[in-house]
Protein backbone atom coordinates (compact mmCIF):
# COMPACT_ATOMS: atom_id res chain seq x y z
CA UNK A 1 0.00 0.00 0.00
CA UNK A 2 1.31 3.42 -0.90
CA UNK A 3 0.48 6.71 0.80
CA UNK A 4 -2.20 7.72 -1.72
CA UNK A 5 -3.97 4.36 -1.23
CA UNK A 6 -3.84 4.86 2.55
CA UNK A 7 -5.39 8.32 2.16
CA UNK A 8 -8.13 6.90 -0.10
CA UNK A 9 -8.95 4.10 2.32
CA UNK A 10 -9.15 6.44 5.31
CA UNK A 11 -11.35 8.83 3.31
CA UNK A 12 -13.67 5.94 2.39
CA UNK A 13 -14.02 4.91 6.04
CA UNK A 14 -14.68 8.53 7.04
CA UNK A 15 -17.05 10.00 4.42
CA UNK A 16 -17.59 13.11 6.58
CA UNK A 17 -13.95 14.15 5.85
CA UNK A 18 -12.69 15.59 2.58
CA UNK A 19 -9.92 13.63 0.91
CA UNK A 20 -7.60 16.67 0.96
CA UNK A 21 -8.11 16.95 4.73
CA UNK A 22 -7.27 13.27 5.20
CA UNK A 23 -4.16 13.77 3.06
CA UNK A 24 -3.11 16.74 5.23
CA UNK A 25 -3.62 14.66 8.38
CA UNK A 26 -1.59 11.72 7.05
CA UNK A 27 1.20 14.07 5.92
CA UNK A 28 1.22 15.81 9.31
CA UNK A 29 1.55 12.48 11.15
CA UNK A 30 4.36 11.25 8.91
CA UNK A 31 6.15 14.62 9.13
CA UNK A 32 5.97 14.56 12.94
CA UNK A 33 7.38 11.02 13.03
CA UNK A 34 10.25 12.08 10.73
CA UNK A 35 10.92 15.26 12.74
CA UNK A 36 11.01 13.31 16.01
CA UNK A 37 13.45 10.81 14.54
CA UNK A 38 15.64 13.65 13.23
CA UNK A 39 15.82 14.95 16.82
CA UNK A 40 16.87 11.47 17.94
CA UNK A 41 13.55 10.74 19.67
CA UNK A 42 11.80 7.37 19.64
CA UNK A 43 8.19 7.28 18.37
CA UNK A 44 5.99 4.53 19.79
CA UNK A 45 2.53 3.76 18.47
CA UNK A 46 1.03 1.26 20.92
CA UNK A 47 -0.14 -1.91 19.23
CA UNK A 48 1.60 -0.96 15.98
CA UNK A 49 5.30 -0.52 16.67
CA UNK A 50 8.14 1.84 17.45
CA UNK A 51 10.30 3.97 15.18
CA UNK A 52 13.82 4.80 16.31
CA UNK A 53 17.22 5.75 14.93
CA UNK A 54 20.26 3.50 15.13
CA UNK A 55 23.83 4.65 14.64
CA UNK A 56 26.18 2.66 12.47
CA UNK A 57 29.85 3.32 13.20
CA UNK A 58 32.43 3.98 10.48
CA UNK A 59 33.95 0.83 9.06
CA UNK A 60 36.17 -0.49 6.32
CA UNK A 61 34.27 -2.13 3.49
CA UNK A 62 35.22 -3.66 0.16
CA UNK A 63 34.37 -2.68 -3.37
CA UNK A 64 32.58 -5.78 -4.74
CA UNK A 65 34.03 -5.34 -8.24
CA UNK A 66 37.67 -4.72 -7.45
CA UNK A 67 37.96 -6.05 -3.91
CA UNK A 68 39.71 -2.83 -2.88
CA UNK A 69 39.21 -1.57 0.66
CA UNK A 70 36.89 1.42 0.99
CA UNK A 71 36.26 3.58 4.05
CA UNK A 72 32.54 3.74 4.83
CA UNK A 73 31.44 6.71 6.94
CA UNK A 74 29.30 6.30 10.02
CA UNK A 75 25.63 7.02 9.56
CA UNK A 76 22.22 7.04 11.22
CA UNK A 77 19.55 4.69 9.90
CA UNK A 78 15.82 4.43 10.68
CA UNK A 79 14.68 1.33 12.52
CA UNK A 80 11.16 -0.03 13.04
CA UNK A 81 10.21 -2.68 15.55
CA UNK A 82 6.69 -4.09 15.37
CA UNK A 83 4.52 -4.12 18.46
CA UNK A 84 3.20 -7.28 20.06
CA UNK A 85 -0.38 -6.76 18.81
CA UNK A 86 0.83 -6.21 15.23
CA UNK A 87 2.96 -9.38 15.30
CA UNK A 88 0.01 -11.37 16.64
CA UNK A 89 -2.33 -10.00 13.96
CA UNK A 90 0.20 -10.82 11.23
CA UNK A 91 0.83 -14.34 12.47
CA UNK A 92 -2.82 -15.21 13.16
CA UNK A 93 -4.50 -13.61 10.17
CA UNK A 94 -1.94 -13.38 7.39
CA UNK A 95 -3.73 -14.02 4.06
CA UNK A 96 -0.62 -15.56 2.49
CA UNK A 97 -0.20 -18.24 5.15
CA UNK A 98 -1.37 -21.77 4.42
PDB file of N, CA and C in Angstrom:
ATOM      1  N   UNK A   1       0.851  -1.169   0.000  1.00  0.00           N
ATOM      2  CA  UNK A   1       0.000   0.000   0.000  1.00  0.00           C
ATOM      3  C   UNK A   1       0.898   1.232   0.000  1.00  0.00           C
ATOM      4  N   UNK A   2       0.578   2.165  -0.858  1.00  0.00           N
ATOM      5  CA  UNK A   2       1.310   3.421  -0.902  1.00  0.00           C
ATOM      6  C   UNK A   2       0.484   4.499  -0.209  1.00  0.00           C
ATOM      7  N   UNK A   3       1.123   5.656   0.014  1.00  0.00           N
ATOM      8  CA  UNK A   3       0.478   6.706   0.802  1.00  0.00           C
ATOM      9  C   UNK A   3      -0.854   7.151   0.201  1.00  0.00           C
ATOM     10  N   UNK A   4      -0.940   7.279  -1.110  1.00  0.00           N
ATOM     11  CA  UNK A   4      -2.198   7.717  -1.722  1.00  0.00           C
ATOM     12  C   UNK A   4      -3.313   6.692  -1.494  1.00  0.00           C
ATOM     13  N   UNK A   5      -2.975   5.394  -1.506  1.00  0.00           N
ATOM     14  CA  UNK A   5      -3.973   4.363  -1.225  1.00  0.00           C
ATOM     15  C   UNK A   5      -4.428   4.419   0.231  1.00  0.00           C
ATOM     16  N   UNK A   6      -3.486   4.710   1.137  1.00  0.00           N
ATOM     17  CA  UNK A   6      -3.836   4.863   2.547  1.00  0.00           C
ATOM     18  C   UNK A   6      -4.803   6.028   2.726  1.00  0.00           C
ATOM     19  N   UNK A   7      -4.517   7.148   2.077  1.00  0.00           N
ATOM     20  CA  UNK A   7      -5.392   8.324   2.158  1.00  0.00           C
ATOM     21  C   UNK A   7      -6.779   7.984   1.629  1.00  0.00           C
ATOM     22  N   UNK A   8      -6.832   7.290   0.488  1.00  0.00           N
ATOM     23  CA  UNK A   8      -8.127   6.903  -0.096  1.00  0.00           C
ATOM     24  C   UNK A   8      -8.926   6.013   0.845  1.00  0.00           C
ATOM     25  N   UNK A   9      -8.259   5.036   1.432  1.00  0.00           N
ATOM     26  CA  UNK A   9      -8.950   4.100   2.320  1.00  0.00           C
ATOM     27  C   UNK A   9      -9.478   4.807   3.568  1.00  0.00           C
ATOM     28  N   UNK A  10      -8.689   5.686   4.131  1.00  0.00           N
ATOM     29  CA  UNK A  10      -9.146   6.439   5.311  1.00  0.00           C
ATOM     30  C   UNK A  10     -10.318   7.327   4.935  1.00  0.00           C
ATOM     31  N   UNK A  11     -10.256   7.966   3.763  1.00  0.00           N
ATOM     32  CA  UNK A  11     -11.350   8.829   3.312  1.00  0.00           C
ATOM     33  C   UNK A  11     -12.627   8.017   3.084  1.00  0.00           C
ATOM     34  N   UNK A  12     -12.499   6.794   2.596  1.00  0.00           N
ATOM     35  CA  UNK A  12     -13.673   5.941   2.385  1.00  0.00           C
ATOM     36  C   UNK A  12     -14.315   5.549   3.707  1.00  0.00           C
ATOM     37  N   UNK A  13     -13.493   5.296   4.717  1.00  0.00           N
ATOM     38  CA  UNK A  13     -14.023   4.909   6.037  1.00  0.00           C
ATOM     39  C   UNK A  13     -14.562   6.101   6.819  1.00  0.00           C
ATOM     40  N   UNK A  14     -14.228   7.307   6.367  1.00  0.00           N
ATOM     41  CA  UNK A  14     -14.679   8.531   7.036  1.00  0.00           C
ATOM     42  C   UNK A  14     -15.269   9.485   6.008  1.00  0.00           C
ATOM     43  N   UNK A  15     -16.484   9.187   5.506  1.00  0.00           N
ATOM     44  CA  UNK A  15     -17.054   9.998   4.424  1.00  0.00           C
ATOM     45  C   UNK A  15     -17.341  11.448   4.831  1.00  0.00           C
ATOM     46  N   UNK A  16     -17.353  11.739   6.136  1.00  0.00           N
ATOM     47  CA  UNK A  16     -17.586  13.112   6.577  1.00  0.00           C
ATOM     48  C   UNK A  16     -16.347  13.988   6.419  1.00  0.00           C
ATOM     49  N   UNK A  17     -15.189  13.392   6.057  1.00  0.00           N
ATOM     50  CA  UNK A  17     -13.951  14.147   5.847  1.00  0.00           C
ATOM     51  C   UNK A  17     -13.644  14.255   4.361  1.00  0.00           C
ATOM     52  N   UNK A  18     -13.140  15.423   3.960  1.00  0.00           N
ATOM     53  CA  UNK A  18     -12.694  15.594   2.579  1.00  0.00           C
ATOM     54  C   UNK A  18     -11.372  14.864   2.391  1.00  0.00           C
ATOM     55  N   UNK A  19     -11.153  14.369   1.174  1.00  0.00           N
ATOM     56  CA  UNK A  19      -9.924  13.629   0.910  1.00  0.00           C
ATOM     57  C   UNK A  19      -8.695  14.510   1.119  1.00  0.00           C
ATOM     58  N   UNK A  20      -8.760  15.779   0.767  1.00  0.00           N
ATOM     59  CA  UNK A  20      -7.600  16.667   0.955  1.00  0.00           C
ATOM     60  C   UNK A  20      -7.290  16.853   2.433  1.00  0.00           C
ATOM     61  N   UNK A  21      -8.342  16.851   3.291  1.00  0.00           N
ATOM     62  CA  UNK A  21      -8.109  16.953   4.726  1.00  0.00           C
ATOM     63  C   UNK A  21      -7.444  15.690   5.262  1.00  0.00           C
ATOM     64  N   UNK A  22      -7.883  14.539   4.783  1.00  0.00           N
ATOM     65  CA  UNK A  22      -7.270  13.268   5.197  1.00  0.00           C
ATOM     66  C   UNK A  22      -5.806  13.247   4.763  1.00  0.00           C
ATOM     67  N   UNK A  23      -5.532  13.724   3.546  1.00  0.00           N
ATOM     68  CA  UNK A  23      -4.155  13.771   3.059  1.00  0.00           C
ATOM     69  C   UNK A  23      -3.297  14.681   3.931  1.00  0.00           C
ATOM     70  N   UNK A  24      -3.844  15.830   4.342  1.00  0.00           N
ATOM     71  CA  UNK A  24      -3.113  16.741   5.230  1.00  0.00           C
ATOM     72  C   UNK A  24      -2.828  16.092   6.582  1.00  0.00           C
ATOM     73  N   UNK A  25      -3.795  15.335   7.093  1.00  0.00           N
ATOM     74  CA  UNK A  25      -3.616  14.660   8.383  1.00  0.00           C
ATOM     75  C   UNK A  25      -2.533  13.593   8.278  1.00  0.00           C
ATOM     76  N   UNK A  26      -2.589  12.775   7.237  1.00  0.00           N
ATOM     77  CA  UNK A  26      -1.588  11.718   7.052  1.00  0.00           C
ATOM     78  C   UNK A  26      -0.201  12.335   6.895  1.00  0.00           C
ATOM     79  N   UNK A  27      -0.092  13.399   6.099  1.00  0.00           N
ATOM     80  CA  UNK A  27       1.198  14.070   5.918  1.00  0.00           C
ATOM     81  C   UNK A  27       1.707  14.648   7.230  1.00  0.00           C
ATOM     82  N   UNK A  28       0.820  15.230   8.033  1.00  0.00           N
ATOM     83  CA  UNK A  28       1.221  15.806   9.310  1.00  0.00           C
ATOM     84  C   UNK A  28       1.754  14.728  10.250  1.00  0.00           C
ATOM     85  N   UNK A  29       1.092  13.583  10.292  1.00  0.00           N
ATOM     86  CA  UNK A  29       1.546  12.478  11.153  1.00  0.00           C
ATOM     87  C   UNK A  29       2.916  11.993  10.707  1.00  0.00           C
ATOM     88  N   UNK A  30       3.083  11.754   9.416  1.00  0.00           N
ATOM     89  CA  UNK A  30       4.363  11.251   8.912  1.00  0.00           C
ATOM     90  C   UNK A  30       5.480  12.277   9.101  1.00  0.00           C
ATOM     91  N   UNK A  31       5.157  13.567   8.915  1.00  0.00           N
ATOM     92  CA  UNK A  31       6.153  14.620   9.133  1.00  0.00           C
ATOM     93  C   UNK A  31       6.586  14.682  10.592  1.00  0.00           C
ATOM     94  N   UNK A  32       5.636  14.531  11.512  1.00  0.00           N
ATOM     95  CA  UNK A  32       5.972  14.555  12.938  1.00  0.00           C
ATOM     96  C   UNK A  32       6.838  13.368  13.328  1.00  0.00           C
ATOM     97  N   UNK A  33       6.553  12.198  12.764  1.00  0.00           N
ATOM     98  CA  UNK A  33       7.383  11.022  13.033  1.00  0.00           C
ATOM     99  C   UNK A  33       8.803  11.279  12.531  1.00  0.00           C
ATOM    100  N   UNK A  34       8.927  11.797  11.308  1.00  0.00           N
ATOM    101  CA  UNK A  34      10.245  12.076  10.731  1.00  0.00           C
ATOM    102  C   UNK A  34      10.986  13.140  11.538  1.00  0.00           C
ATOM    103  N   UNK A  35      10.282  14.203  11.947  1.00  0.00           N
ATOM    104  CA  UNK A  35      10.918  15.260  12.740  1.00  0.00           C
ATOM    105  C   UNK A  35      11.410  14.730  14.080  1.00  0.00           C
ATOM    106  N   UNK A  36      10.610  13.891  14.724  1.00  0.00           N
ATOM    107  CA  UNK A  36      11.015  13.311  16.010  1.00  0.00           C
ATOM    108  C   UNK A  36      12.256  12.444  15.836  1.00  0.00           C
ATOM    109  N   UNK A  37      12.285  11.661  14.777  1.00  0.00           N
ATOM    110  CA  UNK A  37      13.454  10.815  14.537  1.00  0.00           C
ATOM    111  C   UNK A  37      14.686  11.645  14.224  1.00  0.00           C
ATOM    112  N   UNK A  38      14.511  12.763  13.519  1.00  0.00           N
ATOM    113  CA  UNK A  38      15.644  13.653  13.230  1.00  0.00           C
ATOM    114  C   UNK A  38      16.210  14.248  14.512  1.00  0.00           C
ATOM    115  N   UNK A  39      15.363  14.446  15.516  1.00  0.00           N
ATOM    116  CA  UNK A  39      15.823  14.950  16.825  1.00  0.00           C
ATOM    117  C   UNK A  39      16.438  13.841  17.663  1.00  0.00           C
ATOM    118  N   UNK A  40      16.330  12.602  17.191  1.00  0.00           N
ATOM    119  CA  UNK A  40      16.868  11.474  17.937  1.00  0.00           C
ATOM    120  C   UNK A  40      15.857  10.843  18.881  1.00  0.00           C
ATOM    121  N   UNK A  41      14.593  11.277  18.811  1.00  0.00           N
ATOM    122  CA  UNK A  41      13.553  10.736  19.674  1.00  0.00           C
ATOM    123  C   UNK A  41      13.038   9.411  19.116  1.00  0.00           C
ATOM    124  N   UNK A  42      12.442   8.633  19.997  1.00  0.00           N
ATOM    125  CA  UNK A  42      11.803   7.373  19.636  1.00  0.00           C
ATOM    126  C   UNK A  42      10.300   7.629  19.553  1.00  0.00           C
ATOM    127  N   UNK A  43       9.628   7.111  18.543  1.00  0.00           N
ATOM    128  CA  UNK A  43       8.194   7.281  18.372  1.00  0.00           C
ATOM    129  C   UNK A  43       7.531   5.918  18.531  1.00  0.00           C
ATOM    130  N   UNK A  44       6.667   5.796  19.532  1.00  0.00           N
ATOM    131  CA  UNK A  44       5.995   4.528  19.791  1.00  0.00           C
ATOM    132  C   UNK A  44       4.504   4.680  19.562  1.00  0.00           C
ATOM    133  N   UNK A  45       3.962   3.814  18.725  1.00  0.00           N
ATOM    134  CA  UNK A  45       2.529   3.758  18.470  1.00  0.00           C
ATOM    135  C   UNK A  45       2.048   2.434  19.042  1.00  0.00           C
ATOM    136  N   UNK A  46       1.428   2.477  20.208  1.00  0.00           N
ATOM    137  CA  UNK A  46       1.034   1.258  20.916  1.00  0.00           C
ATOM    138  C   UNK A  46       0.217   0.339  20.027  1.00  0.00           C
ATOM    139  N   UNK A  47       0.562  -0.926  20.032  1.00  0.00           N
ATOM    140  CA  UNK A  47      -0.141  -1.912  19.232  1.00  0.00           C
ATOM    141  C   UNK A  47       0.354  -1.984  17.802  1.00  0.00           C
ATOM    142  N   UNK A  48       1.101  -0.978  17.359  1.00  0.00           N
ATOM    143  CA  UNK A  48       1.597  -0.957  15.981  1.00  0.00           C
ATOM    144  C   UNK A  48       3.099  -1.213  15.954  1.00  0.00           C
ATOM    145  N   UNK A  49       3.854  -0.345  16.645  1.00  0.00           N
ATOM    146  CA  UNK A  49       5.297  -0.519  16.667  1.00  0.00           C
ATOM    147  C   UNK A  49       6.002   0.745  17.094  1.00  0.00           C
ATOM    148  N   UNK A  50       7.319   0.710  17.022  1.00  0.00           N
ATOM    149  CA  UNK A  50       8.137   1.839  17.448  1.00  0.00           C
ATOM    150  C   UNK A  50       9.167   2.174  16.377  1.00  0.00           C
ATOM    151  N   UNK A  51       9.303   3.464  16.102  1.00  0.00           N
ATOM    152  CA  UNK A  51      10.303   3.970  15.178  1.00  0.00           C
ATOM    153  C   UNK A  51      11.445   4.545  16.008  1.00  0.00           C
ATOM    154  N   UNK A  52      12.669   4.242  15.622  1.00  0.00           N
ATOM    155  CA  UNK A  52      13.823   4.804  16.305  1.00  0.00           C
ATOM    156  C   UNK A  52      14.958   4.961  15.298  1.00  0.00           C
ATOM    157  N   UNK A  53      16.060   5.541  15.773  1.00  0.00           N
ATOM    158  CA  UNK A  53      17.222   5.754  14.926  1.00  0.00           C
ATOM    159  C   UNK A  53      18.383   4.977  15.525  1.00  0.00           C
ATOM    160  N   UNK A  54      19.075   4.234  14.692  1.00  0.00           N
ATOM    161  CA  UNK A  54      20.260   3.500  15.134  1.00  0.00           C
ATOM    162  C   UNK A  54      21.476   4.113  14.456  1.00  0.00           C
ATOM    163  N   UNK A  55      22.571   4.120  15.181  1.00  0.00           N
ATOM    164  CA  UNK A  55      23.831   4.646  14.639  1.00  0.00           C
ATOM    165  C   UNK A  55      24.701   3.498  14.164  1.00  0.00           C
ATOM    166  N   UNK A  56      25.231   3.646  12.995  1.00  0.00           N
ATOM    167  CA  UNK A  56      26.182   2.656  12.471  1.00  0.00           C
ATOM    168  C   UNK A  56      27.558   3.318  12.470  1.00  0.00           C
ATOM    169  N   UNK A  57      28.521   2.714  13.123  1.00  0.00           N
ATOM    170  CA  UNK A  57      29.853   3.321  13.201  1.00  0.00           C
ATOM    171  C   UNK A  57      30.595   3.248  11.867  1.00  0.00           C
ATOM    172  N   UNK A  58      31.621   4.080  11.704  1.00  0.00           N
ATOM    173  CA  UNK A  58      32.425   3.983  10.477  1.00  0.00           C
ATOM    174  C   UNK A  58      33.114   2.619  10.420  1.00  0.00           C
ATOM    175  N   UNK A  59      33.332   2.140   9.211  1.00  0.00           N
ATOM    176  CA  UNK A  59      33.953   0.830   9.061  1.00  0.00           C
ATOM    177  C   UNK A  59      34.727   0.784   7.749  1.00  0.00           C
ATOM    178  N   UNK A  60      35.459  -0.269   7.581  1.00  0.00           N
ATOM    179  CA  UNK A  60      36.167  -0.494   6.325  1.00  0.00           C
ATOM    180  C   UNK A  60      35.401  -1.561   5.552  1.00  0.00           C
ATOM    181  N   UNK A  61      34.996  -1.204   4.338  1.00  0.00           N
ATOM    182  CA  UNK A  61      34.271  -2.133   3.486  1.00  0.00           C
ATOM    183  C   UNK A  61      35.114  -2.515   2.289  1.00  0.00           C
ATOM    184  N   UNK A  62      34.518  -3.254   1.380  1.00  0.00           N
ATOM    185  CA  UNK A  62      35.225  -3.664   0.161  1.00  0.00           C
ATOM    186  C   UNK A  62      34.377  -3.351  -1.058  1.00  0.00           C
ATOM    187  N   UNK A  63      35.025  -2.891  -2.088  1.00  0.00           N
ATOM    188  CA  UNK A  63      34.370  -2.679  -3.370  1.00  0.00           C
ATOM    189  C   UNK A  63      34.124  -4.067  -3.963  1.00  0.00           C
ATOM    190  N   UNK A  64      32.851  -4.432  -4.258  1.00  0.00           N
ATOM    191  CA  UNK A  64      32.577  -5.783  -4.740  1.00  0.00           C
ATOM    192  C   UNK A  64      33.202  -6.095  -6.107  1.00  0.00           C
ATOM    193  N   UNK A  65      33.444  -5.084  -6.919  1.00  0.00           N
ATOM    194  CA  UNK A  65      34.030  -5.340  -8.241  1.00  0.00           C
ATOM    195  C   UNK A  65      35.531  -5.561  -8.180  1.00  0.00           C
ATOM    196  N   UNK A  66      36.205  -4.661  -7.451  1.00  0.00           N
ATOM    197  CA  UNK A  66      37.666  -4.717  -7.448  1.00  0.00           C
ATOM    198  C   UNK A  66      38.238  -5.403  -6.220  1.00  0.00           C
ATOM    199  N   UNK A  67      37.462  -5.473  -5.149  1.00  0.00           N
ATOM    200  CA  UNK A  67      37.965  -6.052  -3.906  1.00  0.00           C
ATOM    201  C   UNK A  67      38.786  -5.074  -3.088  1.00  0.00           C
ATOM    202  N   UNK A  68      38.912  -3.839  -3.585  1.00  0.00           N
ATOM    203  CA  UNK A  68      39.705  -2.830  -2.878  1.00  0.00           C
ATOM    204  C   UNK A  68      38.992  -2.386  -1.606  1.00  0.00           C
ATOM    205  N   UNK A  69      39.790  -2.061  -0.585  1.00  0.00           N
ATOM    206  CA  UNK A  69      39.206  -1.571   0.658  1.00  0.00           C
ATOM    207  C   UNK A  69      38.682  -0.153   0.472  1.00  0.00           C
ATOM    208  N   UNK A  70      37.528   0.109   1.083  1.00  0.00           N
ATOM    209  CA  UNK A  70      36.888   1.417   0.994  1.00  0.00           C
ATOM    210  C   UNK A  70      36.469   1.825   2.397  1.00  0.00           C
ATOM    211  N   UNK A  71      36.719   3.073   2.757  1.00  0.00           N
ATOM    212  CA  UNK A  71      36.264   3.579   4.049  1.00  0.00           C
ATOM    213  C   UNK A  71      34.796   3.976   3.932  1.00  0.00           C
ATOM    214  N   UNK A  72      33.968   3.434   4.807  1.00  0.00           N
ATOM    215  CA  UNK A  72      32.540   3.735   4.828  1.00  0.00           C
ATOM    216  C   UNK A  72      32.284   4.602   6.051  1.00  0.00           C
ATOM    217  N   UNK A  73      31.701   5.778   5.838  1.00  0.00           N
ATOM    218  CA  UNK A  73      31.437   6.709   6.935  1.00  0.00           C
ATOM    219  C   UNK A  73      30.350   6.170   7.852  1.00  0.00           C
ATOM    220  N   UNK A  74      30.367   6.626   9.088  1.00  0.00           N
ATOM    221  CA  UNK A  74      29.304   6.298  10.019  1.00  0.00           C
ATOM    222  C   UNK A  74      28.020   6.989   9.590  1.00  0.00           C
ATOM    223  N   UNK A  75      26.896   6.404   9.963  1.00  0.00           N
ATOM    224  CA  UNK A  75      25.625   7.015   9.558  1.00  0.00           C
ATOM    225  C   UNK A  75      24.524   6.625  10.533  1.00  0.00           C
ATOM    226  N   UNK A  76      23.420   7.326  10.428  1.00  0.00           N
ATOM    227  CA  UNK A  76      22.222   7.042  11.217  1.00  0.00           C
ATOM    228  C   UNK A  76      21.189   6.441  10.281  1.00  0.00           C
ATOM    229  N   UNK A  77      20.548   5.358  10.732  1.00  0.00           N
ATOM    230  CA  UNK A  77      19.554   4.689   9.899  1.00  0.00           C
ATOM    231  C   UNK A  77      18.253   4.527  10.679  1.00  0.00           C
ATOM    232  N   UNK A  78      17.102   4.639   9.996  1.00  0.00           N
ATOM    233  CA  UNK A  78      15.819   4.432  10.676  1.00  0.00           C
ATOM    234  C   UNK A  78      15.626   2.954  10.990  1.00  0.00           C
ATOM    235  N   UNK A  79      14.929   2.701  12.088  1.00  0.00           N
ATOM    236  CA  UNK A  79      14.677   1.327  12.521  1.00  0.00           C
ATOM    237  C   UNK A  79      13.237   1.249  12.994  1.00  0.00           C
ATOM    238  N   UNK A  80      12.539   0.180  12.618  1.00  0.00           N
ATOM    239  CA  UNK A  80      11.157  -0.025  13.040  1.00  0.00           C
ATOM    240  C   UNK A  80      11.040  -1.387  13.689  1.00  0.00           C
ATOM    241  N   UNK A  81      10.457  -1.422  14.864  1.00  0.00           N
ATOM    242  CA  UNK A  81      10.208  -2.685  15.551  1.00  0.00           C
ATOM    243  C   UNK A  81       8.707  -2.807  15.748  1.00  0.00           C
ATOM    244  N   UNK A  82       8.131  -3.909  15.256  1.00  0.00           N
ATOM    245  CA  UNK A  82       6.686  -4.090  15.370  1.00  0.00           C
ATOM    246  C   UNK A  82       6.284  -4.318  16.813  1.00  0.00           C
ATOM    247  N   UNK A  83       5.073  -3.894  17.132  1.00  0.00           N
ATOM    248  CA  UNK A  83       4.516  -4.117  18.458  1.00  0.00           C
ATOM    249  C   UNK A  83       3.948  -5.522  18.570  1.00  0.00           C
ATOM    250  N   UNK A  84       3.700  -5.927  19.798  1.00  0.00           N
ATOM    251  CA  UNK A  84       3.202  -7.276  20.061  1.00  0.00           C
ATOM    252  C   UNK A  84       1.871  -7.532  19.359  1.00  0.00           C
ATOM    253  N   UNK A  85       0.936  -6.573  19.450  1.00  0.00           N
ATOM    254  CA  UNK A  85      -0.377  -6.755  18.812  1.00  0.00           C
ATOM    255  C   UNK A  85      -0.250  -6.906  17.302  1.00  0.00           C
ATOM    256  N   UNK A  86       0.634  -6.128  16.682  1.00  0.00           N
ATOM    257  CA  UNK A  86       0.834  -6.209  15.234  1.00  0.00           C
ATOM    258  C   UNK A  86       1.399  -7.571  14.849  1.00  0.00           C
ATOM    259  N   UNK A  87       2.388  -8.054  15.594  1.00  0.00           N
ATOM    260  CA  UNK A  87       2.959  -9.376  15.304  1.00  0.00           C
ATOM    261  C   UNK A  87       1.901 -10.462  15.421  1.00  0.00           C
ATOM    262  N   UNK A  88       1.063 -10.371  16.459  1.00  0.00           N
ATOM    263  CA  UNK A  88       0.008 -11.370  16.636  1.00  0.00           C
ATOM    264  C   UNK A  88      -1.000 -11.327  15.492  1.00  0.00           C
ATOM    265  N   UNK A  89      -1.381 -10.119  15.075  1.00  0.00           N
ATOM    266  CA  UNK A  89      -2.330  -9.998  13.958  1.00  0.00           C
ATOM    267  C   UNK A  89      -1.736 -10.572  12.681  1.00  0.00           C
ATOM    268  N   UNK A  90      -0.454 -10.309  12.437  1.00  0.00           N
ATOM    269  CA  UNK A  90       0.196 -10.825  11.232  1.00  0.00           C
ATOM    270  C   UNK A  90       0.290 -12.344  11.256  1.00  0.00           C
ATOM    271  N   UNK A  91       0.646 -12.898  12.388  1.00  0.00           N
ATOM    272  CA  UNK A  91       0.830 -14.343  12.471  1.00  0.00           C
ATOM    273  C   UNK A  91      -0.480 -15.114  12.531  1.00  0.00           C
ATOM    274  N   UNK A  92      -1.542 -14.516  13.054  1.00  0.00           N
ATOM    275  CA  UNK A  92      -2.816 -15.209  13.162  1.00  0.00           C
ATOM    276  C   UNK A  92      -3.727 -14.997  11.960  1.00  0.00           C
ATOM    277  N   UNK A  93      -3.552 -13.890  11.250  1.00  0.00           N
ATOM    278  CA  UNK A  93      -4.495 -13.608  10.175  1.00  0.00           C
ATOM    279  C   UNK A  93      -3.870 -13.302   8.840  1.00  0.00           C
ATOM    280  N   UNK A  94      -2.616 -13.694   8.633  1.00  0.00           N
ATOM    281  CA  UNK A  94      -1.940 -13.384   7.385  1.00  0.00           C
ATOM    282  C   UNK A  94      -2.584 -14.145   6.236  1.00  0.00           C
ATOM    283  N   UNK A  95      -3.015 -13.420   5.205  1.00  0.00           N
ATOM    284  CA  UNK A  95      -3.727 -14.016   4.063  1.00  0.00           C
ATOM    285  C   UNK A  95      -2.848 -14.948   3.250  1.00  0.00           C
ATOM    286  N   UNK A  96      -1.521 -14.727   3.288  1.00  0.00           N
ATOM    287  CA  UNK A  96      -0.623 -15.562   2.494  1.00  0.00           C
ATOM    288  C   UNK A  96      -0.235 -16.856   3.172  1.00  0.00           C
ATOM    289  N   UNK A  97      -0.573 -17.012   4.445  1.00  0.00           N
ATOM    290  CA  UNK A  97      -0.199 -18.244   5.150  1.00  0.00           C
ATOM    291  C   UNK A  97      -1.119 -19.389   4.759  1.00  0.00           C
ATOM    292  N   UNK A  98      -0.580 -20.601   4.836  1.00  0.00           N
ATOM    293  CA  UNK A  98      -1.366 -21.766   4.421  1.00  0.00           C
ATOM    294  C   UNK A  98      -1.545 -22.719   5.561  1.00  0.00           C
TER     295      UNK A  98
END
